[in-house]
Amino acid sequence: MCLGIPGQVVELVEGYGDQLALVDVAGVRRNINIGLLDEGPLEPGMWVIIHMGFALERVDAAGAEKAMRGLELMGRPMDADGA
């Protein structure tokens, strides 16, 4: 299992063998390699899970929200009782 971050496709980047997309990740836009996706073409507005600069899977908005909540939970400090 890997740690993935959800991002929303802003636009497909021309050239590069149709393997790059500009993706918004928590308000920061970055180019992401989409060459590993085999689920059909991406369009602006779609969500992907990203790991190490590669889109690994396509998710819907609910799946992206669930992934982000999980990441936020991992970043929270433990309670005083250690839980």
Protein backbone atom coordinates (compact mmCIF):
# COMPACT_ATOMS: atom_id res chain seq x y z
CA MET A 1 0.00 0.00 0.00
CA CYS A 2 1.24 3.48 -0.79
CA LEU A 3 0.34 6.91 0.47
CA GLY A 4 -1.60 8.78 -2.20
CA ILE A 5 -2.75 12.37 -2.37
CA PRO A 6 -5.93 13.35 -4.21
CA GLY A 7 -5.74 15.97 -6.94
CA GLN A 8 -8.20 17.42 -9.44
CA VAL A 9 -7.29 17.60 -13.11
CA VAL A 10 -7.16 21.20 -14.35
CA GLU A 11 -6.02 20.53 -17.91
CA LEU A 12 -4.16 18.04 -20.04
CA VAL A 13 -0.67 19.21 -21.05
CA GLU A 14 -0.03 19.09 -24.81
CA GLY A 15 2.92 17.07 -26.00
CA TYR A 16 4.85 14.67 -23.78
CA GLY A 17 3.09 11.73 -25.43
CA ASP A 18 -0.24 12.79 -23.86
CA GLN A 19 1.10 11.62 -20.50
CA LEU A 20 1.01 14.84 -18.44
CA ALA A 21 -1.82 16.69 -16.77
CA LEU A 22 -1.87 19.87 -14.73
CA VAL A 23 -3.47 18.85 -11.43
CA ASP A 24 -4.59 20.94 -8.46
CA VAL A 25 -3.41 19.41 -5.19
CA ALA A 26 -4.79 21.32 -2.19
CA GLY A 27 -4.53 24.63 -4.05
CA VAL A 28 -1.11 23.97 -5.60
CA ARG A 29 -0.94 23.14 -9.29
CA ARG A 30 1.63 20.66 -10.53
CA ASN A 31 2.30 18.56 -13.59
CA ILE A 32 1.52 14.89 -12.94
CA ASN A 33 2.33 11.89 -15.11
CA ILE A 34 -0.92 10.15 -16.09
CA GLY A 35 0.69 7.42 -18.20
CA LEU A 36 -0.01 4.68 -15.65
CA LEU A 37 -3.79 5.15 -15.79
CA ASP A 38 -5.57 2.59 -17.94
CA GLU A 39 -9.13 3.67 -17.17
CA GLY A 40 -9.69 5.76 -20.30
CA PRO A 41 -9.01 9.41 -21.04
CA LEU A 42 -8.97 12.05 -18.32
CA GLU A 43 -10.87 15.30 -18.54
CA PRO A 44 -10.66 18.51 -16.52
CA GLY A 45 -12.59 18.20 -13.27
CA MET A 46 -11.80 14.52 -12.75
CA TRP A 47 -9.99 13.39 -9.59
CA VAL A 48 -6.92 11.16 -9.33
CA ILE A 49 -4.84 9.70 -6.52
CA ILE A 50 -1.18 10.71 -6.89
CA HIS A 51 1.97 9.08 -5.53
CA MET A 52 5.49 10.33 -6.30
CA GLY A 53 4.28 12.46 -9.23
CA PHE A 54 2.26 9.68 -10.89
CA ALA A 55 -1.52 9.37 -11.03
CA LEU A 56 -2.24 5.81 -9.89
CA GLU A 57 -6.02 5.68 -10.00
CA ARG A 58 -9.06 7.71 -10.86
CA VAL A 59 -11.56 8.45 -8.07
CA ASP A 60 -14.77 10.43 -7.77
CA ALA A 61 -15.11 13.54 -5.60
CA ALA A 62 -16.28 11.45 -2.62
CA GLY A 63 -13.24 9.18 -2.93
CA ALA A 64 -10.94 12.21 -3.10
CA GLU A 65 -12.54 13.67 0.03
CA LYS A 66 -12.19 10.35 1.86
CA ALA A 67 -8.50 10.14 0.91
CA MET A 68 -7.88 13.71 2.11
CA ARG A 69 -9.64 13.03 5.44
CA GLY A 70 -7.43 9.98 5.92
CA LEU A 71 -4.30 12.06 5.29
CA GLU A 72 -5.51 14.70 7.74
CA LEU A 73 -6.11 12.05 10.40
CA MET A 74 -2.57 10.73 10.01
CA GLY A 75 -1.19 14.23 10.56
CA ARG A 76 -3.04 14.86 13.82
CA PRO A 77 -1.15 14.55 17.10
CA MET A 78 -2.07 11.70 19.43
CA ASP A 79 -4.36 12.45 22.37
CA ALA A 80 -2.83 12.84 25.82
CA ASP A 81 -3.86 9.26 26.68
CA GLY A 82 -1.83 7.93 23.73
CA ALA A 83 -4.79 7.14 21.47
